[in-house]
Structure formats: structure tokens, C-alpha cells
Amino acid sequence: MFRQGLSVYGPRAQKLLDGYAHLQELCDSTPELLEAELSAACARHASRCAHCGAADCPKDGRWFRRVRIPAKAWFVAIKAFEVGLDGRRTAALAGLSNPTVYRAFNTLRLSLARGEAPGRGTGVFGVKLADGLVRVSELERPDGDSPAQIVHKNGFVCTAAHSGYESLLWHSQERQGVPKVVKAGRREPRTAFVKFLIGQAGKHRGIPLETFGLYVKEYEFRFNHRGQPLFDRLVEAVTARVPA
């Protein structure tokens, strides 16, 4: 009855319901089954351990090994991350502590960023859009005239087009290295990515300054794969090896 009732709200509601059904299925799965699934995901990567040549060496430096939790907890955390479940509810479902879920989520974000560890430089990000895909990269030093500020909301500052970028982004608490901004006489239209960013950031109770860059890379990933299932892509990212 609940499934039928949600279906009247359209495909987005149905997609959300399917996501929670998959989450429940993972919670009900046996640990042995998900251990096998995780090993299979590791084996799908072409590279092997540089030391022993095995496809699933416990010392092979994969992202998920940075957080020592069972395979079942990892799969539940990945699915919860996909559907946007908060850390507290994820911890209850996966049987983990809140700090452990926080580390697992940030490990997922870092794997999506491919180890770039964004946000440790200027903390200012440039947004470029090409063929419907967005690319966000940290700038060494913003140059040119002062950009026009168009958004200051949900923990970040967003500017109008500037220095060849669709927009510049930085954390609202960032103080060093950020350019001076001028208020626009007329509010320029927000790009599709900025609108997406505002909606995604609004789901969190504030974004920490020290991990702001990881959230930006997460939103880049979600934007570029919007409307697509993310679970398999997330599993692939977190079972990949950490770049040397």
C-alpha cells in the first residue's frame, strides 16, 4: 500500500523508494554474502597488489581499507550515502558509531576525488561546464578583477562568471586567499550546477570548513551522474587502489 501511494508522486518518489528497498535488502543480507561481493568488486579492478600480485591482498591500499569495518557495514554505508541518509541514521542501520560513519563518508568523498584532497590550498574552486558535465578544480590563486557575489548560502559563497570559469566557490568561513567580491547590481541567473549545489548543501547541518573541498567533489560527481544509479559507481570508487 505504501509503495502504491508513493507511486502517484512520480518517478522521483519511486526512485527514492527503490533506493530504500535496496538499503533494507543490504541490511538483511548475510555478512558472508557481502564479503564475497566486496571481494568480487576488488577483483574487477585490473591492477593487482604490487607486493604479492593478489587481486584482494589485505595490504593492497584500497580506499575502503582506511576504515576498518565489516563488508556489510560498508555496503550499508555506501547505499545510505547514495540515497542521502544522514550519519546518525546510517550509524544505527550499520551498527557503527557516528564518528566511524563520518570517516566512511569522507573516505567515499576522497575516493571520488581520486585522492586530490581538495581544499588544502587556497580553498577557492573554479567551476567549468562542458557538454553538460561540470568540472570543479581548486585554484592556485584567483586573479583578475573582483568577481560579483551572487549567492551566500548554506555554508558557501558563489560568484558570477569570472576568469574563464562559470563561477567561483569557497566556504563562507574561508578567510585566506579568497578574492574580494562586489555585490552585483542585478542578481545574475544561477547556473544549473549552482542550483544543484544549493539544494544538496541544504541537506546538511552545515559543511565543515576542513572538508569543504570533499563535499564540492561529491556534488560534482552527483551532478555529472544525476538521474543515474550511483551505487555501483560508488562501490567501484571505494574499492579502487589509493593513488601512489
C-alpha atoms as a PDB file:
ATOM      1  CA  MET A   1       0.000   0.000   0.000  1.00  0.00           C
ATOM      2  CA  PHE A   2       2.822   2.394   0.901  1.00  0.00           C
ATOM      3  CA  ARG A   3       4.586   1.671  -2.404  1.00  0.00           C
ATOM      4  CA  GLN A   4       1.370   2.263  -4.360  1.00  0.00           C
ATOM      5  CA  GLY A   5       0.739   5.510  -2.515  1.00  0.00           C
ATOM      6  CA  LEU A   6       4.191   6.884  -3.293  1.00  0.00           C
ATOM      7  CA  SER A   7       3.957   5.970  -6.959  1.00  0.00           C
ATOM      8  CA  VAL A   8       1.415   8.743  -7.580  1.00  0.00           C
ATOM      9  CA  TYR A   9       4.142  11.301  -6.907  1.00  0.00           C
ATOM     10  CA  GLY A  10       6.059  10.226  -9.986  1.00  0.00           C
ATOM     11  CA  PRO A  11       9.404   8.625 -10.858  1.00  0.00           C
ATOM     12  CA  ARG A  12      11.474  10.615  -8.324  1.00  0.00           C
ATOM     13  CA  ALA A  13       9.452   9.246  -5.415  1.00  0.00           C
ATOM     14  CA  GLN A  14       9.598   5.760  -6.909  1.00  0.00           C
ATOM     15  CA  LYS A  15      13.366   6.031  -7.298  1.00  0.00           C
ATOM     16  CA  LEU A  16      13.707   7.054  -3.654  1.00  0.00           C
ATOM     17  CA  LEU A  17      11.508   4.169  -2.558  1.00  0.00           C
ATOM     18  CA  ASP A  18      13.547   1.712  -4.615  1.00  0.00           C
ATOM     19  CA  GLY A  19      16.702   3.073  -3.018  1.00  0.00           C
ATOM     20  CA  TYR A  20      15.388   2.451   0.488  1.00  0.00           C
ATOM     21  CA  ALA A  21      14.225  -1.024  -0.539  1.00  0.00           C
ATOM     22  CA  HIS A  22      17.781  -1.807  -1.687  1.00  0.00           C
ATOM     23  CA  LEU A  23      19.115  -0.426   1.588  1.00  0.00           C
ATOM     24  CA  GLN A  24      16.813  -2.741   3.532  1.00  0.00           C
ATOM     25  CA  GLU A  25      17.916  -5.658   1.351  1.00  0.00           C
ATOM     26  CA  LEU A  26      21.557  -4.946   2.215  1.00  0.00           C
ATOM     27  CA  CYS A  27      20.708  -4.738   5.911  1.00  0.00           C
ATOM     28  CA  ASP A  28      19.033  -8.157   5.684  1.00  0.00           C
ATOM     29  CA  SER A  29      21.874  -9.799   3.722  1.00  0.00           C
ATOM     30  CA  THR A  30      24.275 -12.203   5.384  1.00  0.00           C
ATOM     31  CA  PRO A  31      27.802 -10.923   6.143  1.00  0.00           C
ATOM     32  CA  GLU A  32      29.340 -13.790   4.145  1.00  0.00           C
ATOM     33  CA  LEU A  33      27.421 -12.821   1.009  1.00  0.00           C
ATOM     34  CA  LEU A  34      28.564  -9.207   1.188  1.00  0.00           C
ATOM     35  CA  GLU A  35      32.147 -10.213   1.947  1.00  0.00           C
ATOM     36  CA  ALA A  36      32.064 -12.169  -1.329  1.00  0.00           C
ATOM     37  CA  GLU A  37      30.528  -9.163  -3.109  1.00  0.00           C
ATOM     38  CA  LEU A  38      33.287  -6.879  -1.831  1.00  0.00           C
ATOM     39  CA  SER A  39      35.991  -9.323  -2.911  1.00  0.00           C
ATOM     40  CA  ALA A  40      34.383  -9.539  -6.362  1.00  0.00           C
ATOM     41  CA  ALA A  41      34.344  -5.740  -6.606  1.00  0.00           C
ATOM     42  CA  CYS A  42      38.062  -5.647  -5.781  1.00  0.00           C
ATOM     43  CA  ALA A  43      38.792  -8.330  -8.386  1.00  0.00           C
ATOM     44  CA  ARG A  44      37.082  -6.278 -11.104  1.00  0.00           C
ATOM     45  CA  HIS A  45      39.912  -3.764 -10.966  1.00  0.00           C
ATOM     46  CA  ALA A  46      42.618  -4.726 -13.413  1.00  0.00           C
ATOM     47  CA  SER A  47      45.527  -3.817 -11.136  1.00  0.00           C
ATOM     48  CA  ARG A  48      46.884  -6.230  -8.544  1.00  0.00           C
ATOM     49  CA  CYS A  49      48.883  -5.812  -5.371  1.00  0.00           C
ATOM     50  CA  ALA A  50      52.386  -4.610  -6.224  1.00  0.00           C
ATOM     51  CA  HIS A  51      53.874  -6.763  -3.453  1.00  0.00           C
ATOM     52  CA  CYS A  52      52.226 -10.179  -3.770  1.00  0.00           C
ATOM     53  CA  GLY A  53      50.297  -9.979  -7.061  1.00  0.00           C
ATOM     54  CA  ALA A  54      46.969 -10.952  -5.469  1.00  0.00           C
ATOM     55  CA  ALA A  55      43.757  -9.275  -6.561  1.00  0.00           C
ATOM     56  CA  ASP A  56      42.490  -8.927  -2.985  1.00  0.00           C
ATOM     57  CA  CYS A  57      45.514  -8.523  -0.759  1.00  0.00           C
ATOM     58  CA  PRO A  58      44.570  -7.114   2.672  1.00  0.00           C
ATOM     59  CA  LYS A  59      47.521  -4.710   2.426  1.00  0.00           C
ATOM     60  CA  ASP A  60      46.872  -3.505  -1.112  1.00  0.00           C
ATOM     61  CA  GLY A  61      45.947   0.069  -0.179  1.00  0.00           C
ATOM     62  CA  ARG A  62      42.334   0.258  -1.320  1.00  0.00           C
ATOM     63  CA  TRP A  63      40.228   3.161  -0.134  1.00  0.00           C
ATOM     64  CA  PHE A  64      37.755   1.138   1.898  1.00  0.00           C
ATOM     65  CA  ARG A  65      40.550  -0.393   3.979  1.00  0.00           C
ATOM     66  CA  ARG A  66      41.155   3.016   5.570  1.00  0.00           C
ATOM     67  CA  VAL A  67      38.066   2.434   7.713  1.00  0.00           C
ATOM     68  CA  ARG A  68      38.172  -0.980   9.362  1.00  0.00           C
ATOM     69  CA  ILE A  69      34.544  -2.056   9.321  1.00  0.00           C
ATOM     70  CA  PRO A  70      32.886  -5.265   8.024  1.00  0.00           C
ATOM     71  CA  ALA A  71      31.878  -5.541   4.378  1.00  0.00           C
ATOM     72  CA  LYS A  72      28.200  -5.454   5.312  1.00  0.00           C
ATOM     73  CA  ALA A  73      28.644  -2.150   7.148  1.00  0.00           C
ATOM     74  CA  TRP A  74      30.484  -0.744   4.138  1.00  0.00           C
ATOM     75  CA  PHE A  75      27.691  -1.696   1.727  1.00  0.00           C
ATOM     76  CA  VAL A  76      25.054  -0.213   4.022  1.00  0.00           C
ATOM     77  CA  ALA A  77      27.108   2.993   4.350  1.00  0.00           C
ATOM     78  CA  ILE A  78      27.557   3.227   0.567  1.00  0.00           C
ATOM     79  CA  LYS A  79      23.844   2.804  -0.077  1.00  0.00           C
ATOM     80  CA  ALA A  80      22.966   5.288   2.664  1.00  0.00           C
ATOM     81  CA  PHE A  81      25.424   7.751   1.106  1.00  0.00           C
ATOM     82  CA  GLU A  82      23.771   7.276  -2.280  1.00  0.00           C
ATOM     83  CA  VAL A  83      20.234   7.986  -1.042  1.00  0.00           C
ATOM     84  CA  GLY A  84      21.377  10.893   1.141  1.00  0.00           C
ATOM     85  CA  LEU A  85      20.772   9.347   4.566  1.00  0.00           C
ATOM     86  CA  ASP A  86      22.387  11.320   7.392  1.00  0.00           C
ATOM     87  CA  GLY A  87      25.210   9.946   9.510  1.00  0.00           C
ATOM     88  CA  ARG A  88      23.131   9.312  12.632  1.00  0.00           C
ATOM     89  CA  ARG A  89      20.575   7.113  10.867  1.00  0.00           C
ATOM     90  CA  THR A  90      23.307   5.386   8.877  1.00  0.00           C
ATOM     91  CA  ALA A  91      25.148   4.574  12.097  1.00  0.00           C
ATOM     92  CA  ALA A  92      22.020   2.971  13.538  1.00  0.00           C
ATOM     93  CA  LEU A  93      21.440   0.860  10.419  1.00  0.00           C
ATOM     94  CA  ALA A  94      25.057  -0.228  10.008  1.00  0.00           C
ATOM     95  CA  GLY A  95      25.735  -0.789  13.713  1.00  0.00           C
ATOM     96  CA  LEU A  96      28.547   1.760  13.742  1.00  0.00           C
ATOM     97  CA  SER A  97      29.443   4.815  15.785  1.00  0.00           C
ATOM     98  CA  ASN A  98      28.750   8.288  14.381  1.00  0.00           C
ATOM     99  CA  PRO A  99      32.485   9.127  14.043  1.00  0.00           C
ATOM    100  CA  THR A 100      33.082   5.887  12.113  1.00  0.00           C
ATOM    101  CA  VAL A 101      30.281   6.702   9.666  1.00  0.00           C
ATOM    102  CA  TYR A 102      31.702  10.210   9.297  1.00  0.00           C
ATOM    103  CA  ARG A 103      35.105   8.717   8.368  1.00  0.00           C
ATOM    104  CA  ALA A 104      33.477   6.249   5.960  1.00  0.00           C
ATOM    105  CA  PHE A 105      31.541   9.018   4.203  1.00  0.00           C
ATOM    106  CA  ASN A 106      34.648  11.193   3.896  1.00  0.00           C
ATOM    107  CA  THR A 107      36.606   8.197   2.573  1.00  0.00           C
ATOM    108  CA  LEU A 108      33.921   7.821  -0.086  1.00  0.00           C
ATOM    109  CA  ARG A 109      34.249  11.506  -0.967  1.00  0.00           C
ATOM    110  CA  LEU A 110      38.039  11.244  -1.133  1.00  0.00           C
ATOM    111  CA  SER A 111      37.802   8.204  -3.416  1.00  0.00           C
ATOM    112  CA  LEU A 112      35.520  10.218  -5.733  1.00  0.00           C
ATOM    113  CA  ALA A 113      38.132  12.983  -5.750  1.00  0.00           C
ATOM    114  CA  ARG A 114      40.741  10.300  -6.583  1.00  0.00           C
ATOM    115  CA  GLY A 115      42.908  11.367  -3.691  1.00  0.00           C
ATOM    116  CA  GLU A 116      43.222  15.011  -4.718  1.00  0.00           C
ATOM    117  CA  ALA A 117      42.443  16.118  -1.124  1.00  0.00           C
ATOM    118  CA  PRO A 118      40.904  19.376  -2.381  1.00  0.00           C
ATOM    119  CA  GLY A 119      40.667  22.366  -0.081  1.00  0.00           C
ATOM    120  CA  ARG A 120      44.206  22.259   1.310  1.00  0.00           C
ATOM    121  CA  GLY A 121      45.396  25.145  -0.875  1.00  0.00           C
ATOM    122  CA  THR A 122      43.559  28.403  -1.466  1.00  0.00           C
ATOM    123  CA  GLY A 123      40.141  26.856  -0.753  1.00  0.00           C
ATOM    124  CA  VAL A 124      38.744  28.614  -3.836  1.00  0.00           C
ATOM    125  CA  PHE A 125      37.250  26.424  -6.568  1.00  0.00           C
ATOM    126  CA  GLY A 126      36.570  27.240 -10.198  1.00  0.00           C
ATOM    127  CA  VAL A 127      33.590  25.687 -11.960  1.00  0.00           C
ATOM    128  CA  LYS A 128      33.708  24.854 -15.665  1.00  0.00           C
ATOM    129  CA  LEU A 129      30.871  23.322 -17.658  1.00  0.00           C
ATOM    130  CA  ALA A 130      31.284  21.469 -20.973  1.00  0.00           C
ATOM    131  CA  ASP A 131      28.851  19.165 -22.770  1.00  0.00           C
ATOM    132  CA  GLY A 132      26.566  19.093 -19.758  1.00  0.00           C
ATOM    133  CA  LEU A 133      29.333  17.920 -17.396  1.00  0.00           C
ATOM    134  CA  VAL A 134      30.877  20.041 -14.685  1.00  0.00           C
ATOM    135  CA  ARG A 135      34.498  20.067 -13.564  1.00  0.00           C
ATOM    136  CA  VAL A 136      35.440  21.718 -10.277  1.00  0.00           C
ATOM    137  CA  SER A 137      39.107  22.378  -9.543  1.00  0.00           C
ATOM    138  CA  GLU A 138      40.925  24.253  -6.810  1.00  0.00           C
ATOM    139  CA  LEU A 139      42.630  27.422  -7.985  1.00  0.00           C
ATOM    140  CA  GLU A 140      46.212  28.225  -7.092  1.00  0.00           C
ATOM    141  CA  ARG A 141      45.356  31.911  -6.820  1.00  0.00           C
ATOM    142  CA  PRO A 142      42.278  33.728  -8.101  1.00  0.00           C
ATOM    143  CA  ASP A 143      43.278  36.576 -10.400  1.00  0.00           C
ATOM    144  CA  GLY A 144      41.631  39.396 -12.300  1.00  0.00           C
ATOM    145  CA  ASP A 145      39.133  41.932 -11.051  1.00  0.00           C
ATOM    146  CA  SER A 146      36.870  41.292  -8.092  1.00  0.00           C
ATOM    147  CA  PRO A 147      34.054  38.899  -9.017  1.00  0.00           C
ATOM    148  CA  ALA A 148      30.410  39.662  -8.360  1.00  0.00           C
ATOM    149  CA  GLN A 149      28.872  37.689  -5.493  1.00  0.00           C
ATOM    150  CA  ILE A 150      25.503  36.151  -6.341  1.00  0.00           C
ATOM    151  CA  VAL A 151      24.948  33.565  -3.591  1.00  0.00           C
ATOM    152  CA  HIS A 152      25.982  33.372   0.064  1.00  0.00           C
ATOM    153  CA  LYS A 153      24.011  30.443   1.360  1.00  0.00           C
ATOM    154  CA  ASN A 154      24.237  27.000   3.028  1.00  0.00           C
ATOM    155  CA  GLY A 155      27.867  27.419   4.023  1.00  0.00           C
ATOM    156  CA  PHE A 156      29.426  28.628   0.782  1.00  0.00           C
ATOM    157  CA  VAL A 157      29.950  31.731  -1.325  1.00  0.00           C
ATOM    158  CA  CYS A 158      29.292  31.567  -5.067  1.00  0.00           C
ATOM    159  CA  THR A 159      30.227  34.256  -7.576  1.00  0.00           C
ATOM    160  CA  ALA A 160      29.205  35.156 -11.084  1.00  0.00           C
ATOM    161  CA  ALA A 161      31.291  34.069 -14.087  1.00  0.00           C
ATOM    162  CA  HIS A 162      34.905  35.085 -13.549  1.00  0.00           C
ATOM    163  CA  SER A 163      38.352  34.484 -15.115  1.00  0.00           C
ATOM    164  CA  GLY A 164      37.085  31.928 -17.630  1.00  0.00           C
ATOM    165  CA  TYR A 165      35.043  29.990 -15.048  1.00  0.00           C
ATOM    166  CA  GLU A 166      31.289  29.652 -14.841  1.00  0.00           C
ATOM    167  CA  SER A 167      31.590  30.522 -11.169  1.00  0.00           C
ATOM    168  CA  LEU A 168      33.954  30.585  -8.209  1.00  0.00           C
ATOM    169  CA  LEU A 169      33.120  28.808  -4.941  1.00  0.00           C
ATOM    170  CA  TRP A 170      34.537  28.862  -1.431  1.00  0.00           C
ATOM    171  CA  HIS A 171      33.459  28.195   2.144  1.00  0.00           C
ATOM    172  CA  SER A 172      31.749  31.126   3.837  1.00  0.00           C
ATOM    173  CA  GLN A 173      34.226  30.846   6.757  1.00  0.00           C
ATOM    174  CA  GLU A 174      37.289  30.848   4.495  1.00  0.00           C
ATOM    175  CA  ARG A 175      39.364  33.951   5.157  1.00  0.00           C
ATOM    176  CA  GLN A 176      42.758  33.445   3.491  1.00  0.00           C
ATOM    177  CA  GLY A 177      43.290  33.526  -0.250  1.00  0.00           C
ATOM    178  CA  VAL A 178      39.701  34.316  -1.210  1.00  0.00           C
ATOM    179  CA  PRO A 179      39.116  37.168  -3.658  1.00  0.00           C
ATOM    180  CA  LYS A 180      37.290  40.311  -2.695  1.00  0.00           C
ATOM    181  CA  VAL A 181      33.784  40.353  -4.091  1.00  0.00           C
ATOM    182  CA  VAL A 182      31.482  43.131  -5.167  1.00  0.00           C
ATOM    183  CA  LYS A 183      27.734  42.923  -4.904  1.00  0.00           C
ATOM    184  CA  ALA A 184      26.119  42.590  -8.283  1.00  0.00           C
ATOM    185  CA  GLY A 185      23.786  45.381  -9.325  1.00  0.00           C
ATOM    186  CA  ARG A 186      21.420  42.730 -10.631  1.00  0.00           C
ATOM    187  CA  ARG A 187      21.482  39.146  -9.468  1.00  0.00           C
ATOM    188  CA  GLU A 188      22.805  37.069 -12.326  1.00  0.00           C
ATOM    189  CA  PRO A 189      20.997  33.818 -13.132  1.00  0.00           C
ATOM    190  CA  ARG A 190      22.347  30.817 -11.276  1.00  0.00           C
ATOM    191  CA  THR A 191      23.871  28.065 -13.365  1.00  0.00           C
ATOM    192  CA  ALA A 192      22.394  24.565 -13.228  1.00  0.00           C
ATOM    193  CA  PHE A 193      25.296  23.383 -11.078  1.00  0.00           C
ATOM    194  CA  VAL A 194      24.928  26.248  -8.587  1.00  0.00           C
ATOM    195  CA  LYS A 195      21.224  25.486  -8.200  1.00  0.00           C
ATOM    196  CA  PHE A 196      22.102  21.823  -7.690  1.00  0.00           C
ATOM    197  CA  LEU A 197      24.809  22.754  -5.171  1.00  0.00           C
ATOM    198  CA  ILE A 198      22.404  24.887  -3.132  1.00  0.00           C
ATOM    199  CA  GLY A 199      19.890  22.059  -2.956  1.00  0.00           C
ATOM    200  CA  GLN A 200      22.473  19.444  -1.968  1.00  0.00           C
ATOM    201  CA  ALA A 201      24.216  21.616   0.634  1.00  0.00           C
ATOM    202  CA  GLY A 202      20.876  22.445   2.214  1.00  0.00           C
ATOM    203  CA  LYS A 203      20.538  18.797   3.299  1.00  0.00           C
ATOM    204  CA  HIS A 204      23.454  19.134   5.718  1.00  0.00           C
ATOM    205  CA  ARG A 205      23.597  20.897   9.067  1.00  0.00           C
ATOM    206  CA  GLY A 206      26.493  22.985   7.914  1.00  0.00           C
ATOM    207  CA  ILE A 207      29.547  21.852   5.963  1.00  0.00           C
ATOM    208  CA  PRO A 208      32.843  21.782   7.914  1.00  0.00           C
ATOM    209  CA  LEU A 209      35.481  24.132   6.569  1.00  0.00           C
ATOM    210  CA  GLU A 210      38.207  21.451   6.674  1.00  0.00           C
ATOM    211  CA  THR A 211      36.249  19.053   4.425  1.00  0.00           C
ATOM    212  CA  PHE A 212      34.503  21.612   2.208  1.00  0.00           C
ATOM    213  CA  GLY A 213      36.540  20.556  -0.843  1.00  0.00           C
ATOM    214  CA  LEU A 214      35.443  16.931  -0.441  1.00  0.00           C
ATOM    215  CA  TYR A 215      31.786  17.970  -0.403  1.00  0.00           C
ATOM    216  CA  VAL A 216      32.341  20.038  -3.561  1.00  0.00           C
ATOM    217  CA  LYS A 217      33.823  16.993  -5.335  1.00  0.00           C
ATOM    218  CA  GLU A 218      30.890  14.881  -4.129  1.00  0.00           C
ATOM    219  CA  TYR A 219      28.444  17.384  -5.636  1.00  0.00           C
ATOM    220  CA  GLU A 220      30.437  17.376  -8.869  1.00  0.00           C
ATOM    221  CA  PHE A 221      30.072  13.583  -9.014  1.00  0.00           C
ATOM    222  CA  ARG A 222      26.356  13.682  -8.221  1.00  0.00           C
ATOM    223  CA  PHE A 223      25.705  16.415 -10.789  1.00  0.00           C
ATOM    224  CA  ASN A 224      27.563  14.605 -13.568  1.00  0.00           C
ATOM    225  CA  HIS A 225      25.602  11.399 -12.860  1.00  0.00           C
ATOM    226  CA  ARG A 226      22.252  12.919 -11.953  1.00  0.00           C
ATOM    227  CA  GLY A 227      19.332  10.671 -12.860  1.00  0.00           C
ATOM    228  CA  GLN A 228      21.624   7.621 -12.863  1.00  0.00           C
ATOM    229  CA  PRO A 229      22.122   4.856 -10.254  1.00  0.00           C
ATOM    230  CA  LEU A 230      25.195   5.680  -8.173  1.00  0.00           C
ATOM    231  CA  PHE A 231      25.645   2.568  -6.040  1.00  0.00           C
ATOM    232  CA  ASP A 232      27.833   0.540  -8.420  1.00  0.00           C
ATOM    233  CA  ARG A 233      29.929   3.616  -9.230  1.00  0.00           C
ATOM    234  CA  LEU A 234      30.480   4.264  -5.528  1.00  0.00           C
ATOM    235  CA  VAL A 235      31.479   0.643  -4.916  1.00  0.00           C
ATOM    236  CA  GLU A 236      33.918   0.879  -7.816  1.00  0.00           C
ATOM    237  CA  ALA A 237      35.420   4.102  -6.452  1.00  0.00           C
ATOM    238  CA  VAL A 238      35.902   2.901  -2.887  1.00  0.00           C
ATOM    239  CA  THR A 239      37.374  -0.484  -3.912  1.00  0.00           C
ATOM    240  CA  ALA A 240      39.952   1.163  -6.172  1.00  0.00           C
ATOM    241  CA  ARG A 241      43.529   1.488  -5.004  1.00  0.00           C
ATOM    242  CA  VAL A 242      44.717   4.731  -3.457  1.00  0.00           C
ATOM    243  CA  PRO A 243      46.957   6.578  -5.983  1.00  0.00           C
ATOM    244  CA  ALA A 244      50.618   6.366  -5.124  1.00  0.00           C
END
